[in-house]
Amino acid sequence: MGLSLGANLKRLSTWKPIIKKIRTRLGMWKGRVLSMAGSVCLLKSVLSSLSLYYMFIFLMPKGVARLITTIQRRILWASVCTERKVCKAVWHVIIGGKNKGGLGIGLFVGKNKAMLFKRL
């Protein structure tokens, strides 16, 4: 599935294949032709489906979650994984629920902990 067996899951280098998959999946889309709603839908579907399996089994290090959040931000604002642009809103508002005025994207660390608790 992407992670090697017996590897140290606390290292960022172990998670690089997953991050590479996320970048290539999001990089295939031409984000400049998508609306903001299309970009949010793309982020939710691609990022949650790719990392959902790993979040259910392994505790994701905070550095990996930070890197995935950086990819999310760049796709949402710049429409490209590698380009940096000025953010148009505060990120903690964006990741908040729709009832609080956010877009409902959510934090990866929180989703990861919820998945691990579900397993118990």
N, C-alpha and C. Protein backbone atom coordinates (compact mmCIF):
# COMPACT_ATOMS: atom_id res chain seq x y z
N MET A 1 0.81 -1.21 0.00
CA MET A 1 0.00 0.00 0.00
C MET A 1 0.85 1.26 0.00
N GLY A 2 2.14 1.16 0.19
CA GLY A 2 2.97 2.36 0.14
C GLY A 2 3.99 2.45 1.25
N LEU A 3 3.69 1.95 2.42
CA LEU A 3 4.64 1.99 3.52
C LEU A 3 5.33 0.63 3.63
N SER A 4 6.62 0.66 3.89
CA SER A 4 7.35 -0.61 4.00
C SER A 4 7.14 -1.21 5.39
N LEU A 5 7.07 -2.52 5.43
CA LEU A 5 6.85 -3.22 6.70
C LEU A 5 8.08 -3.13 7.58
N GLY A 6 7.87 -2.92 8.84
CA GLY A 6 8.96 -2.86 9.79
C GLY A 6 9.70 -1.54 9.82
N ALA A 7 9.24 -0.56 9.06
CA ALA A 7 9.91 0.74 9.04
C ALA A 7 9.52 1.54 10.27
N ASN A 8 10.34 2.51 10.62
CA ASN A 8 10.07 3.39 11.74
C ASN A 8 9.04 4.42 11.29
N LEU A 9 7.83 4.33 11.82
CA LEU A 9 6.72 5.19 11.38
C LEU A 9 6.80 6.59 11.96
N LYS A 10 7.77 6.84 12.83
CA LYS A 10 7.92 8.18 13.39
C LYS A 10 8.78 9.07 12.50
N ARG A 11 9.40 8.49 11.49
CA ARG A 11 10.26 9.26 10.59
C ARG A 11 9.47 9.77 9.39
N LEU A 12 9.82 10.97 8.98
CA LEU A 12 9.18 11.57 7.82
C LEU A 12 9.52 10.82 6.54
N SER A 13 10.71 10.25 6.47
CA SER A 13 11.13 9.53 5.26
C SER A 13 10.29 8.28 5.02
N THR A 14 9.72 7.71 6.06
CA THR A 14 8.86 6.54 5.90
C THR A 14 7.54 6.92 5.22
N TRP A 15 7.07 8.14 5.48
CA TRP A 15 5.80 8.60 4.95
C TRP A 15 5.91 9.28 3.58
N LYS A 16 7.13 9.42 3.07
CA LYS A 16 7.32 10.10 1.79
C LYS A 16 6.54 9.49 0.62
N PRO A 17 6.41 8.14 0.51
CA PRO A 17 5.59 7.62 -0.60
C PRO A 17 4.13 8.07 -0.55
N ILE A 18 3.59 8.20 0.65
CA ILE A 18 2.20 8.66 0.79
C ILE A 18 2.09 10.12 0.38
N ILE A 19 3.04 10.93 0.82
CA ILE A 19 3.03 12.35 0.47
C ILE A 19 3.23 12.53 -1.03
N LYS A 20 4.07 11.69 -1.62
CA LYS A 20 4.27 11.75 -3.07
C LYS A 20 2.99 11.40 -3.82
N LYS A 21 2.26 10.40 -3.33
CA LYS A 21 0.98 10.03 -3.95
C LYS A 21 0.00 11.19 -3.89
N ILE A 22 -0.05 11.85 -2.74
CA ILE A 22 -0.96 12.98 -2.58
C ILE A 22 -0.60 14.09 -3.55
N ARG A 23 0.69 14.41 -3.64
CA ARG A 23 1.13 15.47 -4.56
C ARG A 23 0.82 15.13 -6.02
N THR A 24 1.07 13.88 -6.42
CA THR A 24 0.82 13.53 -7.81
C THR A 24 -0.67 13.51 -8.13
N ARG A 25 -1.49 13.02 -7.19
CA ARG A 25 -2.94 13.03 -7.43
C ARG A 25 -3.47 14.44 -7.57
N LEU A 26 -3.03 15.33 -6.67
CA LEU A 26 -3.51 16.70 -6.74
C LEU A 26 -2.87 17.47 -7.88
N GLY A 27 -1.66 17.08 -8.27
CA GLY A 27 -0.96 17.77 -9.34
C GLY A 27 -1.55 17.49 -10.71
N MET A 28 -2.28 16.39 -10.85
CA MET A 28 -2.88 16.06 -12.14
C MET A 28 -4.01 17.01 -12.50
N TRP A 29 -4.65 17.56 -11.49
CA TRP A 29 -5.78 18.45 -11.73
C TRP A 29 -5.30 19.84 -12.10
N LYS A 30 -5.99 20.47 -12.99
CA LYS A 30 -5.72 21.86 -13.34
C LYS A 30 -6.55 22.72 -12.39
N GLY A 31 -5.95 23.08 -11.29
CA GLY A 31 -6.66 23.81 -10.24
C GLY A 31 -7.10 25.19 -10.64
N ARG A 32 -6.47 25.75 -11.65
CA ARG A 32 -6.83 27.11 -12.06
C ARG A 32 -8.21 27.18 -12.70
N VAL A 33 -8.70 26.07 -13.22
CA VAL A 33 -10.02 26.08 -13.84
C VAL A 33 -11.11 25.66 -12.86
N LEU A 34 -10.73 25.25 -11.66
CA LEU A 34 -11.70 24.86 -10.65
C LEU A 34 -12.13 26.07 -9.83
N SER A 35 -13.38 26.09 -9.44
CA SER A 35 -13.85 27.12 -8.52
C SER A 35 -13.36 26.79 -7.11
N MET A 36 -13.65 27.67 -6.17
CA MET A 36 -13.25 27.42 -4.79
C MET A 36 -13.97 26.18 -4.26
N ALA A 37 -15.25 26.02 -4.59
CA ALA A 37 -16.00 24.84 -4.15
C ALA A 37 -15.42 23.58 -4.77
N GLY A 38 -15.00 23.65 -6.02
CA GLY A 38 -14.38 22.50 -6.68
C GLY A 38 -13.06 22.13 -6.03
N SER A 39 -12.27 23.14 -5.66
CA SER A 39 -11.00 22.89 -5.00
C SER A 39 -11.20 22.24 -3.63
N VAL A 40 -12.18 22.71 -2.88
CA VAL A 40 -12.47 22.14 -1.56
C VAL A 40 -12.93 20.69 -1.71
N CYS A 41 -13.79 20.43 -2.68
CA CYS A 41 -14.27 19.06 -2.92
C CYS A 41 -13.10 18.15 -3.32
N LEU A 42 -12.21 18.65 -4.15
CA LEU A 42 -11.03 17.89 -4.56
C LEU A 42 -10.13 17.58 -3.36
N LEU A 43 -9.91 18.59 -2.53
CA LEU A 43 -9.09 18.38 -1.33
C LEU A 43 -9.69 17.33 -0.42
N LYS A 44 -10.98 17.45 -0.17
CA LYS A 44 -11.62 16.50 0.74
C LYS A 44 -11.58 15.08 0.19
N SER A 45 -11.86 14.92 -1.07
CA SER A 45 -11.95 13.57 -1.62
C SER A 45 -10.57 12.92 -1.77
N VAL A 46 -9.61 13.65 -2.34
CA VAL A 46 -8.29 13.06 -2.58
C VAL A 46 -7.54 12.83 -1.29
N LEU A 47 -7.46 13.83 -0.45
CA LEU A 47 -6.65 13.70 0.76
C LEU A 47 -7.26 12.74 1.76
N SER A 48 -8.57 12.71 1.86
CA SER A 48 -9.15 11.79 2.83
C SER A 48 -9.10 10.36 2.33
N SER A 49 -9.27 10.15 1.04
CA SER A 49 -9.27 8.77 0.55
C SER A 49 -7.87 8.17 0.54
N LEU A 50 -6.85 8.96 0.23
CA LEU A 50 -5.50 8.42 0.19
C LEU A 50 -4.94 8.13 1.58
N SER A 51 -5.20 9.00 2.51
CA SER A 51 -4.59 8.83 3.82
C SER A 51 -5.49 8.14 4.83
N LEU A 52 -6.72 7.84 4.46
CA LEU A 52 -7.67 7.25 5.40
C LEU A 52 -7.21 5.88 5.90
N TYR A 53 -6.71 5.07 5.01
CA TYR A 53 -6.26 3.73 5.40
C TYR A 53 -5.12 3.81 6.41
N TYR A 54 -4.16 4.69 6.16
CA TYR A 54 -3.01 4.81 7.05
C TYR A 54 -3.39 5.45 8.38
N MET A 55 -4.34 6.38 8.34
CA MET A 55 -4.77 7.02 9.58
C MET A 55 -5.53 6.04 10.47
N PHE A 56 -6.15 5.02 9.88
CA PHE A 56 -6.89 4.05 10.66
C PHE A 56 -5.95 3.07 11.37
N ILE A 57 -4.77 2.87 10.82
CA ILE A 57 -3.85 1.87 11.37
C ILE A 57 -2.70 2.49 12.17
N PHE A 58 -2.10 3.56 11.66
CA PHE A 58 -0.88 4.13 12.26
C PHE A 58 -1.13 5.52 12.82
N LEU A 59 -0.37 5.86 13.85
CA LEU A 59 -0.38 7.22 14.39
C LEU A 59 0.52 8.07 13.50
N MET A 60 -0.06 9.07 12.90
CA MET A 60 0.66 9.93 11.97
C MET A 60 1.49 10.95 12.76
N PRO A 61 2.78 11.08 12.46
CA PRO A 61 3.59 12.10 13.14
C PRO A 61 3.09 13.50 12.80
N LYS A 62 3.32 14.43 13.72
CA LYS A 62 2.85 15.80 13.52
C LYS A 62 3.52 16.47 12.32
N GLY A 63 4.78 16.09 12.03
CA GLY A 63 5.48 16.65 10.88
C GLY A 63 4.82 16.26 9.57
N VAL A 64 4.33 15.03 9.49
CA VAL A 64 3.62 14.57 8.28
C VAL A 64 2.30 15.30 8.15
N ALA A 65 1.58 15.44 9.25
CA ALA A 65 0.30 16.17 9.22
C ALA A 65 0.52 17.62 8.82
N ARG A 66 1.61 18.23 9.30
CA ARG A 66 1.93 19.61 8.93
C ARG A 66 2.24 19.72 7.44
N LEU A 67 2.95 18.75 6.90
CA LEU A 67 3.29 18.75 5.48
C LEU A 67 2.04 18.57 4.61
N ILE A 68 1.14 17.70 5.01
CA ILE A 68 -0.11 17.52 4.27
C ILE A 68 -0.97 18.77 4.35
N THR A 69 -0.97 19.43 5.50
CA THR A 69 -1.70 20.69 5.64
C THR A 69 -1.12 21.76 4.73
N THR A 70 0.20 21.79 4.59
CA THR A 70 0.84 22.73 3.68
C THR A 70 0.41 22.48 2.24
N ILE A 71 0.33 21.21 1.86
CA ILE A 71 -0.14 20.86 0.51
C ILE A 71 -1.58 21.31 0.34
N GLN A 72 -2.41 21.10 1.36
CA GLN A 72 -3.80 21.54 1.31
C GLN A 72 -3.90 23.04 1.08
N ARG A 73 -3.14 23.79 1.84
CA ARG A 73 -3.18 25.25 1.71
C ARG A 73 -2.78 25.72 0.33
N ARG A 74 -1.71 25.13 -0.19
CA ARG A 74 -1.23 25.54 -1.50
C ARG A 74 -2.22 25.21 -2.60
N ILE A 75 -2.86 24.07 -2.50
CA ILE A 75 -3.86 23.71 -3.51
C ILE A 75 -5.06 24.63 -3.42
N LEU A 76 -5.49 24.94 -2.21
CA LEU A 76 -6.67 25.79 -2.04
C LEU A 76 -6.44 27.21 -2.52
N TRP A 77 -5.28 27.78 -2.20
CA TRP A 77 -5.05 29.18 -2.56
C TRP A 77 -4.33 29.36 -3.88
N ALA A 78 -3.33 28.55 -4.18
CA ALA A 78 -2.53 28.77 -5.38
C ALA A 78 -2.92 27.84 -6.53
N SER A 79 -3.69 26.80 -6.26
CA SER A 79 -4.14 25.81 -7.26
C SER A 79 -3.02 24.91 -7.76
N VAL A 80 -1.82 25.04 -7.21
CA VAL A 80 -0.68 24.20 -7.58
C VAL A 80 0.05 23.82 -6.30
N CYS A 81 0.56 22.58 -6.23
CA CYS A 81 1.23 22.10 -5.00
C CYS A 81 2.52 22.87 -4.69
N THR A 82 3.20 23.35 -5.71
CA THR A 82 4.53 23.93 -5.50
C THR A 82 4.52 25.45 -5.38
N GLU A 83 3.46 26.09 -5.74
CA GLU A 83 3.41 27.55 -5.77
C GLU A 83 2.87 28.10 -4.45
N ARG A 84 3.42 29.24 -4.03
CA ARG A 84 2.95 29.89 -2.81
C ARG A 84 2.19 31.15 -3.17
N LYS A 85 1.07 31.37 -2.52
CA LYS A 85 0.27 32.58 -2.71
C LYS A 85 -0.18 33.09 -1.35
N VAL A 86 -0.70 34.29 -1.34
CA VAL A 86 -1.20 34.89 -0.11
C VAL A 86 -2.54 34.25 0.25
N CYS A 87 -2.69 33.89 1.50
CA CYS A 87 -3.94 33.28 1.96
C CYS A 87 -5.02 34.36 2.05
N LYS A 88 -6.24 33.98 1.73
CA LYS A 88 -7.34 34.93 1.74
C LYS A 88 -8.16 34.86 3.02
N ALA A 89 -7.88 33.88 3.86
CA ALA A 89 -8.57 33.74 5.14
C ALA A 89 -7.66 33.02 6.12
N VAL A 90 -7.98 33.12 7.39
CA VAL A 90 -7.20 32.46 8.43
C VAL A 90 -7.47 30.95 8.35
N TRP A 91 -6.40 30.14 8.43
CA TRP A 91 -6.53 28.71 8.21
C TRP A 91 -7.40 28.02 9.26
N HIS A 92 -7.32 28.44 10.52
CA HIS A 92 -8.12 27.77 11.54
C HIS A 92 -9.62 28.01 11.33
N VAL A 93 -9.98 29.07 10.64
CA VAL A 93 -11.38 29.29 10.29
C VAL A 93 -11.77 28.39 9.11
N ILE A 94 -10.87 28.24 8.15
CA ILE A 94 -11.13 27.41 6.97
C ILE A 94 -11.36 25.95 7.35
N ILE A 95 -10.56 25.42 8.26
CA ILE A 95 -10.68 24.01 8.62
C ILE A 95 -11.85 23.75 9.55
N GLY A 96 -12.45 24.81 10.08
CA GLY A 96 -13.59 24.65 10.99
C GLY A 96 -14.81 24.11 10.27
N GLY A 97 -15.80 23.74 11.04
CA GLY A 97 -17.03 23.20 10.49
C GLY A 97 -17.83 24.23 9.72
N LYS A 98 -18.72 23.75 8.88
CA LYS A 98 -19.53 24.64 8.06
C LYS A 98 -20.49 25.47 8.91
N ASN A 99 -20.92 24.93 10.04
CA ASN A 99 -21.81 25.69 10.92
C ASN A 99 -21.08 26.84 11.62
N LYS A 100 -19.74 26.80 11.63
CA LYS A 100 -18.95 27.87 12.24
C LYS A 100 -18.38 28.83 11.20
N GLY A 101 -18.79 28.69 9.95
CA GLY A 101 -18.31 29.58 8.90
C GLY A 101 -17.11 29.07 8.14
N GLY A 102 -16.67 27.86 8.41
CA GLY A 102 -15.52 27.29 7.73
C GLY A 102 -15.94 26.46 6.52
N LEU A 103 -14.97 25.77 5.95
CA LEU A 103 -15.24 24.93 4.79
C LEU A 103 -15.35 23.45 5.15
N GLY A 104 -15.10 23.10 6.40
CA GLY A 104 -15.27 21.73 6.85
C GLY A 104 -14.17 20.78 6.42
N ILE A 105 -12.96 21.29 6.22
CA ILE A 105 -11.86 20.43 5.79
C ILE A 105 -11.35 19.60 6.96
N GLY A 106 -11.14 20.18 8.10
CA GLY A 106 -10.72 19.45 9.29
C GLY A 106 -9.22 19.28 9.41
N LEU A 107 -8.77 18.95 10.61
CA LEU A 107 -7.36 18.71 10.90
C LEU A 107 -7.03 17.23 10.75
N PHE A 108 -5.85 16.93 10.23
CA PHE A 108 -5.43 15.55 10.07
C PHE A 108 -5.10 14.89 11.39
N VAL A 109 -4.56 15.63 12.32
CA VAL A 109 -4.21 15.05 13.62
C VAL A 109 -5.48 14.61 14.35
N GLY A 110 -6.51 15.42 14.31
CA GLY A 110 -7.77 15.06 14.94
C GLY A 110 -8.43 13.87 14.28
N LYS A 111 -8.42 13.84 12.95
CA LYS A 111 -9.00 12.70 12.22
C LYS A 111 -8.22 11.42 12.53
N ASN A 112 -6.91 11.53 12.62
CA ASN A 112 -6.08 10.38 12.90
C ASN A 112 -6.38 9.80 14.28
N LYS A 113 -6.49 10.66 15.28
CA LYS A 113 -6.79 10.20 16.64
C LYS A 113 -8.18 9.59 16.71
N ALA A 114 -9.14 10.17 16.00
CA ALA A 114 -10.48 9.63 16.00
C ALA A 114 -10.52 8.24 15.38
N MET A 115 -9.76 8.05 14.30
CA MET A 115 -9.70 6.74 13.65
C MET A 115 -9.05 5.70 14.56
N LEU A 116 -8.00 6.10 15.26
CA LEU A 116 -7.33 5.15 16.16
C LEU A 116 -8.22 4.81 17.36
N PHE A 117 -8.99 5.76 17.86
CA PHE A 117 -9.91 5.47 18.95
C PHE A 117 -11.02 4.54 18.49
N LYS A 118 -11.43 4.69 17.26
CA LYS A 118 -12.48 3.85 16.70
C LYS A 118 -12.04 2.39 16.66
N ARG A 119 -10.76 2.18 16.46
CA ARG A 119 -10.21 0.83 16.35
C ARG A 119 -10.22 0.10 17.70
N LEU A 120 -10.13 0.87 18.78
CA LEU A 120 -10.09 0.23 20.11
C LEU A 120 -11.40 -0.34 20.42
